Protein backbone atom coordinates (compact mmCIF):
# COMPACT_ATOMS: atom_id res chain seq x y z
CA UNK A 1 32.25 -37.56 8.33
CA UNK A 2 32.25 -38.62 4.71
CA UNK A 3 29.02 -36.81 3.96
CA UNK A 4 29.03 -33.39 2.32
CA UNK A 5 25.40 -32.28 2.17
CA UNK A 6 24.12 -30.57 -0.95
CA UNK A 7 20.56 -29.67 -1.72
CA UNK A 8 18.31 -28.46 -4.47
CA UNK A 9 14.76 -28.17 -3.14
CA UNK A 10 12.57 -28.63 -6.17
CA UNK A 11 15.66 -27.89 -8.28
CA UNK A 12 16.09 -24.45 -6.70
CA UNK A 13 19.73 -24.27 -5.64
CA UNK A 14 20.99 -23.04 -2.29
CA UNK A 15 24.19 -21.36 -3.40
CA UNK A 16 27.30 -21.06 -1.24
CA UNK A 17 28.60 -18.35 -3.52
CA UNK A 18 26.91 -16.83 -6.54
CA UNK A 19 29.01 -15.95 -9.55
CA UNK A 20 26.05 -14.09 -10.96
CA UNK A 21 25.76 -10.35 -10.33
CA UNK A 22 22.71 -8.81 -11.98
CA UNK A 23 23.51 -5.84 -14.24
CA UNK A 24 21.04 -2.98 -14.55
CA UNK A 25 20.62 -1.80 -18.13
CA UNK A 26 20.80 1.98 -18.36
CA UNK A 27 18.07 2.08 -21.00
CA UNK A 28 15.56 0.09 -18.95
CA UNK A 29 14.38 -0.06 -15.35
CA UNK A 30 14.39 -3.86 -15.53
CA UNK A 31 17.34 -6.08 -14.70
CA UNK A 32 19.31 -8.16 -17.15
CA UNK A 33 19.92 -11.72 -15.97
CA UNK A 34 22.57 -13.48 -18.04
CA UNK A 35 21.97 -17.20 -18.66
CA UNK A 36 23.37 -19.41 -15.94
CA UNK A 37 24.03 -23.06 -15.11
CA UNK A 38 24.35 -24.78 -11.75
CA UNK A 39 27.65 -26.45 -10.84
CA UNK A 40 28.75 -28.42 -7.78
CA UNK A 41 32.34 -29.40 -6.97
CA UNK A 42 34.04 -32.28 -5.15
CA UNK A 43 37.78 -32.54 -4.49
CA UNK A 44 38.64 -36.18 -5.28
CA UNK A 45 42.40 -35.83 -5.87
CA UNK A 46 44.44 -37.16 -2.92
CA UNK A 47 47.66 -35.43 -1.84
CA UNK A 48 46.64 -32.01 -3.19
CA UNK A 49 46.96 -29.12 -0.72
CA UNK A 50 43.89 -27.19 0.36
CA UNK A 51 42.79 -25.22 -2.68
CA UNK A 52 40.71 -22.37 -4.04
CA UNK A 53 38.42 -22.77 -7.04
CA UNK A 54 38.03 -20.02 -9.66
CA UNK A 55 35.76 -19.77 -12.69
CA UNK A 56 37.58 -17.30 -14.94
CA UNK A 57 38.50 -14.50 -12.51
CA UNK A 58 35.80 -15.30 -9.96
CA UNK A 59 36.69 -17.15 -6.79
CA UNK A 60 33.90 -19.60 -5.97
CA UNK A 61 34.68 -20.76 -2.42
CA UNK A 62 34.77 -18.90 0.87
CA UNK A 63 36.71 -21.58 2.76
CA UNK A 64 39.63 -23.74 1.57
CA UNK A 65 38.62 -26.99 -0.16
CA UNK A 66 40.46 -30.09 1.00
CA UNK A 67 40.44 -33.65 -0.32
CA UNK A 68 37.12 -35.31 0.42
CA UNK A 69 35.14 -32.08 0.55
CA UNK A 70 33.55 -29.70 -1.92
CA UNK A 71 30.83 -27.17 -2.67
CA UNK A 72 27.07 -27.22 -3.07
CA UNK A 73 25.58 -26.18 -6.39
CA UNK A 74 26.41 -22.58 -7.24
CA UNK A 75 25.41 -20.28 -10.11
CA UNK A 76 27.87 -19.99 -13.00
CA UNK A 77 27.61 -18.04 -16.23
CA UNK A 78 26.74 -20.27 -19.16
CA UNK A 79 29.18 -20.64 -22.07
CA UNK A 80 32.85 -21.53 -22.07
CA UNK A 81 34.53 -21.06 -18.71
CA UNK A 82 38.13 -21.56 -17.62
CA UNK A 83 38.39 -23.38 -14.33
CA UNK A 84 41.44 -22.71 -12.14
CA UNK A 85 42.63 -24.56 -9.04
CA UNK A 86 45.04 -22.59 -6.85
CA UNK A 87 46.82 -23.39 -3.61
CA UNK A 88 44.72 -21.85 -0.86
CA UNK A 89 45.08 -18.06 -0.55
CA UNK A 90 47.73 -17.87 -3.27
CA UNK A 91 47.86 -17.57 -7.05
CA UNK A 92 50.03 -20.69 -7.24
CA UNK A 93 48.15 -22.60 -9.91
CA UNK A 94 47.74 -26.34 -9.45
CA UNK A 95 45.73 -26.95 -12.62
CA UNK A 96 43.37 -25.32 -15.09
CA UNK A 97 41.03 -26.49 -17.83
CA UNK A 98 38.00 -25.29 -19.76
CA UNK A 99 34.41 -26.44 -19.81
CA UNK A 100 31.27 -25.34 -21.63
CA UNK A 101 28.08 -24.86 -19.62
CA UNK A 102 24.63 -24.82 -21.18
CA UNK A 103 22.02 -22.42 -19.80
CA UNK A 104 19.81 -23.95 -17.11
CA UNK A 105 21.74 -27.22 -17.07
CA UNK A 106 23.06 -28.79 -13.85
CA UNK A 107 26.61 -30.15 -13.53
CA UNK A 108 28.89 -31.95 -11.08
CA UNK A 109 32.60 -31.16 -11.32
CA UNK A 110 35.35 -33.31 -9.77
CA UNK A 111 39.11 -32.77 -9.48
CA UNK A 112 40.77 -36.19 -9.90
CA UNK A 113 44.06 -38.06 -10.38
CA UNK A 114 47.47 -37.21 -8.87
CA UNK A 115 48.97 -33.76 -8.25
CA UNK A 116 51.45 -34.41 -11.09
CA UNK A 117 48.69 -35.32 -13.57
CA UNK A 118 45.47 -33.63 -12.39
CA UNK A 119 42.29 -33.81 -14.43
CA UNK A 120 38.63 -32.81 -14.28
CA UNK A 121 35.55 -34.97 -14.57
CA UNK A 122 32.35 -33.14 -15.50
CA UNK A 123 28.93 -34.81 -15.33
CA UNK A 124 25.68 -33.36 -16.64
CA UNK A 125 23.19 -34.04 -13.84
CA UNK A 126 19.63 -35.08 -14.59
CA UNK A 127 17.91 -34.89 -11.23
CA UNK A 128 14.30 -35.99 -10.77
CA UNK A 129 12.10 -36.39 -7.73
CA UNK A 130 12.44 -39.93 -6.35
CA UNK A 131 9.29 -42.01 -6.19
CA UNK A 132 7.46 -42.24 -2.88
CA UNK A 133 9.42 -44.07 -0.15
CA UNK A 134 12.61 -44.10 -2.22
CA UNK A 135 15.90 -42.26 -2.58
CA UNK A 136 18.05 -42.07 -5.71
CA UNK A 137 21.74 -42.91 -5.94
CA UNK A 138 24.44 -42.55 -8.58
CA UNK A 139 27.90 -44.11 -8.49
CA UNK A 140 31.06 -42.51 -9.92
CA UNK A 141 34.47 -44.23 -10.11
CA UNK A 142 37.14 -41.58 -9.50
CA UNK A 143 40.07 -43.90 -8.73
CA UNK A 144 42.73 -43.81 -11.49
CA UNK A 145 44.29 -47.20 -10.72
CA UNK A 146 41.51 -49.34 -9.30
CA UNK A 147 40.33 -52.33 -11.34
CA UNK A 148 36.81 -52.36 -12.72
CA UNK A 149 34.37 -52.28 -9.81
CA UNK A 150 30.81 -52.98 -8.73
CA UNK A 151 28.87 -51.05 -6.09
CA UNK A 152 26.87 -53.05 -3.54
CA UNK A 153 24.45 -51.75 -0.92
CA UNK A 154 24.00 -54.15 2.00
CA UNK A 155 25.71 -56.87 -0.06
CA UNK A 156 23.37 -56.44 -3.05
CA UNK A 157 25.06 -55.22 -6.22
CA UNK A 158 23.34 -52.10 -7.57
CA UNK A 159 25.90 -50.87 -10.14
CA UNK A 160 28.21 -53.11 -12.18
CA UNK A 161 31.48 -52.83 -14.07
CA UNK A 162 32.58 -49.22 -13.71
CA UNK A 163 36.10 -48.06 -14.48
CA UNK A 164 37.93 -44.78 -13.89
CA UNK A 165 35.67 -41.83 -14.77
CA UNK A 166 32.75 -44.21 -15.34
CA UNK A 167 29.40 -43.44 -13.74
CA UNK A 168 25.87 -44.74 -13.48
CA UNK A 169 22.54 -43.05 -13.90
CA UNK A 170 20.54 -42.20 -10.78
CA UNK A 171 18.74 -45.34 -9.64
CA UNK A 172 16.07 -45.89 -6.95
CA UNK A 173 16.69 -47.56 -3.60
CA UNK A 174 14.48 -47.91 -0.53
CA UNK A 175 14.49 -44.70 1.49
CA UNK A 176 14.70 -44.09 5.24
CA UNK A 177 16.96 -47.10 5.50
CA UNK A 178 20.52 -47.60 6.77
CA UNK A 179 23.05 -49.03 4.33
CA UNK A 180 26.60 -50.26 4.09
CA UNK A 181 28.29 -49.31 0.82
CA UNK A 182 30.79 -51.83 -0.57
CA UNK A 183 32.91 -51.21 -3.65
CA UNK A 184 33.81 -54.65 -4.97
CA UNK A 185 36.27 -55.82 -7.57
CA UNK A 186 34.08 -56.52 -10.59
CA UNK A 187 32.29 -59.85 -10.48
CA UNK A 188 33.73 -60.85 -7.10
CA UNK A 189 33.04 -60.45 -3.40
CA UNK A 190 36.43 -58.79 -2.83
CA UNK A 191 35.81 -55.51 -0.99
CA UNK A 192 38.14 -52.72 -2.12
CA UNK A 193 36.57 -49.98 0.01
CA UNK A 194 33.48 -49.59 2.15
CA UNK A 195 31.45 -47.16 4.21
CA UNK A 196 28.96 -48.27 6.87
CA UNK A 197 25.92 -46.92 8.69
CA UNK A 198 24.72 -44.48 6.02
CA UNK A 199 21.03 -43.56 6.16
CA UNK A 200 19.49 -42.72 2.79
CA UNK A 201 16.40 -40.56 3.26
CA UNK A 202 13.15 -40.60 1.29
CA UNK A 203 13.12 -37.93 -1.41
CA UNK A 204 16.88 -37.39 -1.42
CA UNK A 205 19.27 -37.76 -4.34
CA UNK A 206 22.85 -38.92 -3.67
CA UNK A 207 26.16 -39.47 -5.42
CA UNK A 208 28.47 -42.22 -4.12
CA UNK A 209 32.14 -42.03 -5.15
CA UNK A 210 35.19 -44.26 -5.12
CA UNK A 211 38.33 -42.16 -4.67
CA UNK A 212 42.00 -42.73 -3.90
CA UNK A 213 44.45 -45.32 -5.19
CA UNK A 214 44.71 -49.09 -5.08
CA UNK A 215 48.41 -48.54 -4.50
CA UNK A 216 47.76 -46.03 -1.71
CA UNK A 217 49.66 -46.67 1.50
CA UNK A 218 48.17 -44.06 3.84
CA UNK A 219 44.66 -43.29 5.06
CA UNK A 220 44.83 -40.12 2.97
CA UNK A 221 45.43 -41.77 -0.40
CA UNK A 222 44.11 -45.33 -0.12
CA UNK A 223 40.78 -46.26 -1.69
CA UNK A 224 37.87 -44.52 0.03
CA UNK A 225 34.11 -44.23 -0.39
CA UNK A 226 32.46 -40.84 -0.07
CA UNK A 227 28.91 -39.75 -0.67
CA UNK A 228 27.23 -36.40 -1.22
CA UNK A 229 23.64 -35.21 -1.23
CA UNK A 230 22.75 -33.67 -4.58
CA UNK A 231 19.12 -32.77 -3.88
CA UNK A 232 16.26 -33.15 -1.50
CA UNK A 233 12.57 -33.07 -2.34
CA UNK A 234 9.83 -32.50 0.19
């Protein structure tokens, strides 16, 4: 399945693992809650081994994260954080980088590119309740070598002319409807990758991603379309 479900019900996150541990101040019976942000993660770098994700010294995941999978939104301390990617259950570092998180903001983090030249893509998510009878979708191009692309749903282009690391805003589409996603070479009907029989539900917010390589020769590293559920509103 190319669907990793994520949810924020009314923008309240269901966290797989919280990095936030409340600290009791000795001088007060109340609890101190440091400012936090919400971050999700998707592993979009083909050919990487299963990995562990750390923010500073805190491991985020319980289970290994493989290509095409990720984590729901989790709490992370605001401010500058160093993000580490390690080979599963080792301290063999694959890559690290820093990011700055603003309090109460919501982010999507992606690991991209090849194992020899890994990189991060960080998006600041603005998630709103879809209008009645609609869902919302966003498209992100995470393929380093694909040409500029368009995204079509059921043969109707919804997002145009995106290149590597390019992304759209969240846009409305009819909800409770089954779609075929087609990633097309820009301005043409040439299908580079597709995913069929996806039902987009009323009140849900989704991200659709192009991953892999135009030059890929195996099912693991060729161009693929994945989608995730960012939020659901009832």
